[in-house]
Amino acid sequence: MAMKRHCGIKQEGISLVGLIVVLAVAGFVGILALKIVPTYSEYRAVLNAIKAAKATGGGVREIQNSFDANATVNYISSIGGKDLIIGKENGEMEVSFAYEKKIPLVGPASLLLEYAGSTAKGGAPAAAKPEQ
């Protein structure tokens, strides 16, 4: 009985170890995404809230109170009305913010996200402290 030889036939595919590595990496990326998406969603809510607060007009207190009311409705907990940078640029009231969100990963490792935004045309946050 002659044994068949598989000369010249190359098997293709992924090994079990390769599959485990790919699944581990995909799992890590998935968990990371599940932790980042809510913080980004909150950032977008903050951007919308400062635009709505600016639209109410008025002074610094009115803008802060409007932002706080909007923050309560949209579950914004990372920043409050007192944290906003409110000032006049080119004769128009501009509202901006900057904050950091730290996401613990594993053990001492964590991910730091820096969020900032403004109602100014360029979108860059103002450097001045809020007027009181």
N, C-alpha and C. Protein backbone atom coordinates (compact mmCIF):
# COMPACT_ATOMS: atom_id res chain seq x y z
N MET A 1 0.84 -1.16 0.00
CA MET A 1 0.00 0.00 0.00
C MET A 1 0.89 1.24 0.00
N ALA A 2 0.64 2.02 -0.93
CA ALA A 2 1.43 3.23 -1.05
C ALA A 2 0.74 4.37 -0.31
N MET A 3 1.55 5.16 0.37
CA MET A 3 1.02 6.32 1.08
C MET A 3 1.07 7.53 0.15
N LYS A 4 0.01 8.26 0.18
CA LYS A 4 -0.01 9.46 -0.65
C LYS A 4 0.81 10.53 0.03
N ARG A 5 1.58 11.21 -0.76
CA ARG A 5 2.35 12.34 -0.25
C ARG A 5 1.68 13.62 -0.73
N HIS A 6 1.66 14.58 0.11
CA HIS A 6 1.07 15.86 -0.22
C HIS A 6 2.15 16.85 -0.60
N CYS A 7 2.92 16.47 -1.53
CA CYS A 7 3.98 17.37 -1.98
C CYS A 7 3.38 18.48 -2.83
N GLY A 8 3.82 19.69 -2.54
CA GLY A 8 3.38 20.81 -3.35
C GLY A 8 2.03 21.36 -2.94
N ILE A 9 1.33 20.71 -2.02
CA ILE A 9 0.04 21.22 -1.55
C ILE A 9 0.29 22.00 -0.26
N LYS A 10 -0.08 23.27 -0.32
CA LYS A 10 0.15 24.13 0.84
C LYS A 10 -1.17 24.40 1.54
N GLN A 11 -1.22 24.12 2.82
CA GLN A 11 -2.43 24.38 3.59
C GLN A 11 -2.44 25.85 4.03
N GLU A 12 -3.59 26.45 3.91
CA GLU A 12 -3.72 27.84 4.32
C GLU A 12 -4.81 27.93 5.38
N GLY A 13 -4.68 28.94 6.21
CA GLY A 13 -5.66 29.15 7.27
C GLY A 13 -4.98 29.71 8.50
N ILE A 14 -5.73 29.76 9.56
CA ILE A 14 -5.20 30.30 10.81
C ILE A 14 -5.11 29.18 11.83
N SER A 15 -4.06 29.18 12.58
CA SER A 15 -3.88 28.15 13.59
C SER A 15 -4.72 28.49 14.82
N LEU A 16 -4.83 27.54 15.71
CA LEU A 16 -5.58 27.75 16.94
C LEU A 16 -4.96 28.87 17.77
N VAL A 17 -3.64 28.88 17.87
CA VAL A 17 -2.95 29.93 18.62
C VAL A 17 -3.19 31.29 17.96
N GLY A 18 -3.11 31.35 16.65
CA GLY A 18 -3.38 32.60 15.93
C GLY A 18 -4.80 33.08 16.16
N LEU A 19 -5.76 32.15 16.16
CA LEU A 19 -7.15 32.51 16.41
C LEU A 19 -7.32 33.07 17.81
N ILE A 20 -6.67 32.47 18.79
CA ILE A 20 -6.76 32.95 20.17
C ILE A 20 -6.18 34.35 20.29
N VAL A 21 -5.05 34.61 19.63
CA VAL A 21 -4.43 35.93 19.68
C VAL A 21 -5.34 36.96 19.02
N VAL A 22 -5.90 36.63 17.88
CA VAL A 22 -6.80 37.56 17.17
C VAL A 22 -8.03 37.85 18.03
N LEU A 23 -8.61 36.85 18.66
CA LEU A 23 -9.78 37.05 19.52
C LEU A 23 -9.43 37.88 20.75
N ALA A 24 -8.25 37.68 21.32
CA ALA A 24 -7.83 38.46 22.48
C ALA A 24 -7.67 39.93 22.11
N VAL A 25 -7.03 40.20 20.99
CA VAL A 25 -6.86 41.59 20.53
C VAL A 25 -8.22 42.22 20.23
N ALA A 26 -9.08 41.48 19.55
CA ALA A 26 -10.41 42.00 19.23
C ALA A 26 -11.22 42.26 20.51
N GLY A 27 -11.09 41.39 21.48
CA GLY A 27 -11.77 41.57 22.76
C GLY A 27 -11.28 42.81 23.49
N PHE A 28 -9.96 43.02 23.49
CA PHE A 28 -9.38 44.20 24.14
C PHE A 28 -9.86 45.47 23.47
N VAL A 29 -9.85 45.49 22.15
CA VAL A 29 -10.32 46.67 21.41
C VAL A 29 -11.80 46.89 21.67
N GLY A 30 -12.58 45.83 21.76
CA GLY A 30 -14.01 45.96 22.03
C GLY A 30 -14.28 46.52 23.42
N ILE A 31 -13.56 46.04 24.42
CA ILE A 31 -13.72 46.55 25.78
C ILE A 31 -13.30 48.01 25.86
N LEU A 32 -12.21 48.34 25.19
CA LEU A 32 -11.73 49.72 25.16
C LEU A 32 -12.78 50.63 24.52
N ALA A 33 -13.38 50.18 23.44
CA ALA A 33 -14.42 50.97 22.77
C ALA A 33 -15.63 51.16 23.68
N LEU A 34 -16.00 50.12 24.43
CA LEU A 34 -17.13 50.23 25.34
C LEU A 34 -16.87 51.24 26.46
N LYS A 35 -15.61 51.46 26.79
CA LYS A 35 -15.27 52.43 27.83
C LYS A 35 -15.12 53.84 27.27
N ILE A 36 -14.72 53.97 26.01
CA ILE A 36 -14.48 55.28 25.41
C ILE A 36 -15.75 55.91 24.86
N VAL A 37 -16.62 55.14 24.27
CA VAL A 37 -17.83 55.67 23.61
C VAL A 37 -18.69 56.50 24.57
N PRO A 38 -18.95 56.08 25.81
CA PRO A 38 -19.76 56.94 26.69
C PRO A 38 -19.10 58.29 27.00
N THR A 39 -17.77 58.33 27.12
CA THR A 39 -17.10 59.60 27.41
C THR A 39 -17.18 60.52 26.19
N TYR A 40 -17.07 59.96 25.00
CA TYR A 40 -17.19 60.77 23.79
C TYR A 40 -18.62 61.27 23.62
N SER A 41 -19.59 60.43 23.96
CA SER A 41 -20.99 60.83 23.89
C SER A 41 -21.26 61.99 24.85
N GLU A 42 -20.66 61.92 26.05
CA GLU A 42 -20.81 63.01 27.01
C GLU A 42 -20.15 64.29 26.49
N TYR A 43 -18.99 64.16 25.85
CA TYR A 43 -18.30 65.30 25.25
C TYR A 43 -19.20 65.98 24.21
N ARG A 44 -19.83 65.21 23.36
CA ARG A 44 -20.74 65.79 22.36
C ARG A 44 -21.92 66.50 23.04
N ALA A 45 -22.41 65.93 24.16
CA ALA A 45 -23.49 66.57 24.90
C ALA A 45 -23.03 67.90 25.50
N VAL A 46 -21.78 67.96 25.97
CA VAL A 46 -21.22 69.21 26.51
C VAL A 46 -21.14 70.26 25.41
N LEU A 47 -20.67 69.87 24.23
CA LEU A 47 -20.61 70.81 23.10
C LEU A 47 -21.99 71.39 22.80
N ASN A 48 -22.99 70.53 22.75
CA ASN A 48 -24.36 71.00 22.47
C ASN A 48 -24.87 71.89 23.60
N ALA A 49 -24.51 71.56 24.84
CA ALA A 49 -24.98 72.33 25.99
C ALA A 49 -24.37 73.73 26.02
N ILE A 50 -23.08 73.87 25.63
CA ILE A 50 -22.49 75.22 25.64
C ILE A 50 -23.07 76.06 24.51
N LYS A 51 -23.41 75.42 23.40
CA LYS A 51 -24.05 76.17 22.30
C LYS A 51 -25.43 76.66 22.73
N ALA A 52 -26.18 75.79 23.42
CA ALA A 52 -27.51 76.18 23.91
C ALA A 52 -27.39 77.25 24.98
N ALA A 53 -26.39 77.15 25.85
CA ALA A 53 -26.20 78.15 26.91
C ALA A 53 -25.84 79.50 26.33
N LYS A 54 -25.01 79.51 25.31
CA LYS A 54 -24.63 80.77 24.66
C LYS A 54 -25.85 81.40 23.99
N ALA A 55 -26.70 80.58 23.41
CA ALA A 55 -27.87 81.07 22.70
C ALA A 55 -28.88 81.74 23.64
N THR A 56 -28.84 81.39 24.92
CA THR A 56 -29.77 82.02 25.87
C THR A 56 -29.42 83.47 26.11
N GLY A 57 -28.16 83.84 25.80
CA GLY A 57 -27.74 85.22 26.00
C GLY A 57 -27.53 85.50 27.48
N GLY A 58 -27.46 86.75 27.81
CA GLY A 58 -27.29 87.12 29.21
C GLY A 58 -25.84 87.13 29.63
N GLY A 59 -25.64 87.20 30.93
CA GLY A 59 -24.30 87.29 31.48
C GLY A 59 -23.73 85.92 31.83
N VAL A 60 -22.65 85.99 32.58
CA VAL A 60 -21.94 84.76 32.96
C VAL A 60 -22.83 83.84 33.78
N ARG A 61 -23.53 84.38 34.77
CA ARG A 61 -24.38 83.54 35.64
C ARG A 61 -25.50 82.86 34.85
N GLU A 62 -26.11 83.59 33.93
CA GLU A 62 -27.20 83.02 33.13
C GLU A 62 -26.68 81.87 32.26
N ILE A 63 -25.51 82.07 31.68
CA ILE A 63 -24.92 81.02 30.84
C ILE A 63 -24.59 79.80 31.69
N GLN A 64 -24.01 80.01 32.87
CA GLN A 64 -23.68 78.90 33.77
C GLN A 64 -24.94 78.15 34.20
N ASN A 65 -25.98 78.90 34.57
CA ASN A 65 -27.24 78.26 35.00
C ASN A 65 -27.89 77.49 33.86
N SER A 66 -27.85 78.05 32.66
CA SER A 66 -28.40 77.36 31.50
C SER A 66 -27.64 76.07 31.22
N PHE A 67 -26.31 76.14 31.32
CA PHE A 67 -25.50 74.94 31.11
C PHE A 67 -25.82 73.89 32.17
N ASP A 68 -25.91 74.30 33.44
CA ASP A 68 -26.21 73.35 34.52
C ASP A 68 -27.56 72.68 34.32
N ALA A 69 -28.55 73.43 33.86
CA ALA A 69 -29.87 72.85 33.60
C ALA A 69 -29.79 71.82 32.47
N ASN A 70 -29.05 72.17 31.42
CA ASN A 70 -28.87 71.26 30.29
C ASN A 70 -28.06 70.03 30.72
N ALA A 71 -27.07 70.23 31.60
CA ALA A 71 -26.23 69.13 32.08
C ALA A 71 -27.06 68.13 32.89
N THR A 72 -28.01 68.62 33.64
CA THR A 72 -28.87 67.73 34.43
C THR A 72 -29.73 66.86 33.50
N VAL A 73 -30.27 67.47 32.48
CA VAL A 73 -31.13 66.74 31.54
C VAL A 73 -30.34 65.71 30.74
N ASN A 74 -29.11 66.06 30.34
CA ASN A 74 -28.31 65.19 29.48
C ASN A 74 -27.30 64.33 30.24
N TYR A 75 -27.41 64.27 31.56
CA TYR A 75 -26.55 63.43 32.39
C TYR A 75 -25.06 63.75 32.22
N ILE A 76 -24.73 65.03 32.18
CA ILE A 76 -23.33 65.46 32.09
C ILE A 76 -22.80 65.58 33.50
N SER A 77 -21.77 64.79 33.82
CA SER A 77 -21.23 64.81 35.18
C SER A 77 -19.75 65.22 35.23
N SER A 78 -19.10 65.31 34.11
CA SER A 78 -17.66 65.61 34.09
C SER A 78 -17.34 67.08 34.28
N ILE A 79 -18.29 67.94 34.00
CA ILE A 79 -18.03 69.38 34.02
C ILE A 79 -19.32 70.09 34.42
N GLY A 80 -19.17 71.21 35.10
CA GLY A 80 -20.31 72.00 35.53
C GLY A 80 -20.22 73.42 35.00
N GLY A 81 -21.23 74.20 35.27
CA GLY A 81 -21.28 75.58 34.81
C GLY A 81 -20.12 76.41 35.34
N LYS A 82 -19.68 76.13 36.55
CA LYS A 82 -18.55 76.88 37.14
C LYS A 82 -17.23 76.56 36.44
N ASP A 83 -17.15 75.46 35.73
CA ASP A 83 -15.92 75.06 35.03
C ASP A 83 -15.79 75.67 33.64
N LEU A 84 -16.83 76.31 33.18
CA LEU A 84 -16.81 76.91 31.84
C LEU A 84 -15.93 78.15 31.82
N ILE A 85 -15.30 78.39 30.68
CA ILE A 85 -14.52 79.60 30.47
C ILE A 85 -15.39 80.51 29.60
N ILE A 86 -15.82 81.61 30.20
CA ILE A 86 -16.75 82.51 29.52
C ILE A 86 -16.08 83.88 29.39
N GLY A 87 -16.00 84.37 28.18
CA GLY A 87 -15.37 85.66 27.96
C GLY A 87 -15.82 86.26 26.64
N LYS A 88 -15.47 87.52 26.45
CA LYS A 88 -15.84 88.20 25.21
C LYS A 88 -14.67 88.17 24.24
N GLU A 89 -14.98 87.79 23.02
CA GLU A 89 -14.00 87.82 21.93
C GLU A 89 -14.65 88.54 20.76
N ASN A 90 -13.98 89.58 20.28
CA ASN A 90 -14.49 90.38 19.17
C ASN A 90 -15.89 90.91 19.45
N GLY A 91 -16.14 91.28 20.72
CA GLY A 91 -17.42 91.85 21.10
C GLY A 91 -18.54 90.85 21.28
N GLU A 92 -18.25 89.57 21.14
CA GLU A 92 -19.28 88.55 21.28
C GLU A 92 -18.90 87.60 22.41
N MET A 93 -19.90 87.20 23.20
CA MET A 93 -19.68 86.28 24.31
C MET A 93 -19.35 84.90 23.76
N GLU A 94 -18.26 84.31 24.23
CA GLU A 94 -17.85 82.97 23.80
C GLU A 94 -17.74 82.07 25.03
N VAL A 95 -18.13 80.84 24.87
CA VAL A 95 -18.10 79.86 25.96
C VAL A 95 -17.19 78.72 25.53
N SER A 96 -16.27 78.33 26.40
CA SER A 96 -15.40 77.20 26.08
C SER A 96 -15.17 76.36 27.34
N PHE A 97 -14.59 75.20 27.13
CA PHE A 97 -14.33 74.28 28.24
C PHE A 97 -13.14 73.40 27.90
N ALA A 98 -12.58 72.82 28.93
CA ALA A 98 -11.52 71.82 28.77
C ALA A 98 -11.55 70.94 30.01
N TYR A 99 -11.52 69.63 29.82
CA TYR A 99 -11.47 68.71 30.95
C TYR A 99 -10.82 67.41 30.52
N GLU A 100 -10.42 66.63 31.51
CA GLU A 100 -9.79 65.34 31.27
C GLU A 100 -10.67 64.24 31.83
N LYS A 101 -10.66 63.11 31.17
CA LYS A 101 -11.40 61.94 31.63
C LYS A 101 -10.41 60.78 31.73
N LYS A 102 -10.25 60.22 32.91
CA LYS A 102 -9.33 59.11 33.13
C LYS A 102 -10.12 57.82 33.20
N ILE A 103 -9.74 56.87 32.34
CA ILE A 103 -10.43 55.58 32.27
C ILE A 103 -9.47 54.50 32.75
N PRO A 104 -9.77 53.86 33.90
CA PRO A 104 -8.90 52.78 34.36
C PRO A 104 -9.01 51.57 33.44
N LEU A 105 -7.87 50.98 33.14
CA LEU A 105 -7.86 49.80 32.27
C LEU A 105 -7.58 48.54 33.09
N VAL A 106 -6.31 48.24 33.32
CA VAL A 106 -5.92 47.05 34.07
C VAL A 106 -4.84 47.44 35.06
N GLY A 107 -5.05 47.14 36.33
CA GLY A 107 -4.04 47.44 37.33
C GLY A 107 -3.71 48.92 37.35
N PRO A 108 -2.44 49.27 37.27
CA PRO A 108 -2.06 50.68 37.30
C PRO A 108 -2.22 51.39 35.95
N ALA A 109 -2.54 50.67 34.91
CA ALA A 109 -2.66 51.27 33.57
C ALA A 109 -4.02 51.95 33.42
N SER A 110 -3.99 53.14 32.86
CA SER A 110 -5.23 53.85 32.58
C SER A 110 -5.07 54.67 31.30
N LEU A 111 -6.20 55.11 30.79
CA LEU A 111 -6.23 55.90 29.56
C LEU A 111 -6.73 57.30 29.91
N LEU A 112 -5.99 58.33 29.50
CA LEU A 112 -6.36 59.71 29.78
C LEU A 112 -6.83 60.37 28.48
N LEU A 113 -8.07 60.83 28.49
CA LEU A 113 -8.65 61.51 27.33
C LEU A 113 -8.79 62.99 27.68
N GLU A 114 -8.35 63.87 26.81
CA GLU A 114 -8.44 65.31 27.03
C GLU A 114 -9.47 65.87 26.06
N TYR A 115 -10.53 66.42 26.62
CA TYR A 115 -11.60 67.00 25.81
C TYR A 115 -11.59 68.52 25.96
N ALA A 116 -11.82 69.23 24.87
CA ALA A 116 -11.90 70.69 24.88
C ALA A 116 -12.79 71.13 23.73
N GLY A 117 -13.44 72.26 23.91
CA GLY A 117 -14.29 72.79 22.86
C GLY A 117 -14.68 74.22 23.14
N SER A 118 -15.27 74.86 22.15
CA SER A 118 -15.63 76.27 22.28
C SER A 118 -16.74 76.61 21.30
N THR A 119 -17.41 77.71 21.60
CA THR A 119 -18.41 78.23 20.66
C THR A 119 -17.77 79.18 19.66
N ALA A 120 -16.48 79.48 19.84
CA ALA A 120 -15.78 80.38 18.91
C ALA A 120 -15.69 79.73 17.54
N LYS A 121 -15.50 80.56 16.51
CA LYS A 121 -15.47 80.05 15.14
C LYS A 121 -14.39 78.99 14.93
N GLY A 122 -13.21 79.19 15.50
CA GLY A 122 -12.13 78.22 15.34
C GLY A 122 -12.32 76.97 16.19
N GLY A 123 -13.17 77.05 17.20
CA GLY A 123 -13.42 75.91 18.08
C GLY A 123 -12.38 75.73 19.15
N ALA A 124 -11.34 76.58 19.18
CA ALA A 124 -10.29 76.46 20.18
C ALA A 124 -10.77 77.08 21.50
N PRO A 125 -10.51 76.41 22.61
CA PRO A 125 -10.95 76.96 23.90
C PRO A 125 -10.20 78.25 24.24
N ALA A 126 -10.89 79.14 24.89
CA ALA A 126 -10.30 80.41 25.33
C ALA A 126 -9.29 80.15 26.44
N ALA A 127 -8.28 80.98 26.52
CA ALA A 127 -7.25 80.79 27.54
C ALA A 127 -7.59 81.50 28.84
N ALA A 128 -8.53 82.43 28.80
CA ALA A 128 -8.87 83.24 29.98
C ALA A 128 -9.74 82.47 30.95
N LYS A 129 -9.69 82.87 32.19
CA LYS A 129 -10.56 82.30 33.21
C LYS A 129 -11.93 82.96 33.11
N PRO A 130 -12.97 82.32 33.65
CA PRO A 130 -14.31 82.89 33.55
C PRO A 130 -14.41 84.23 34.27
N GLU A 131 -15.25 85.10 33.71
CA GLU A 131 -15.52 86.38 34.37
C GLU A 131 -16.46 86.13 35.53
N GLN A 132 -16.21 86.76 36.63
CA GLN A 132 -17.10 86.56 37.80
C GLN A 132 -17.85 87.82 38.14
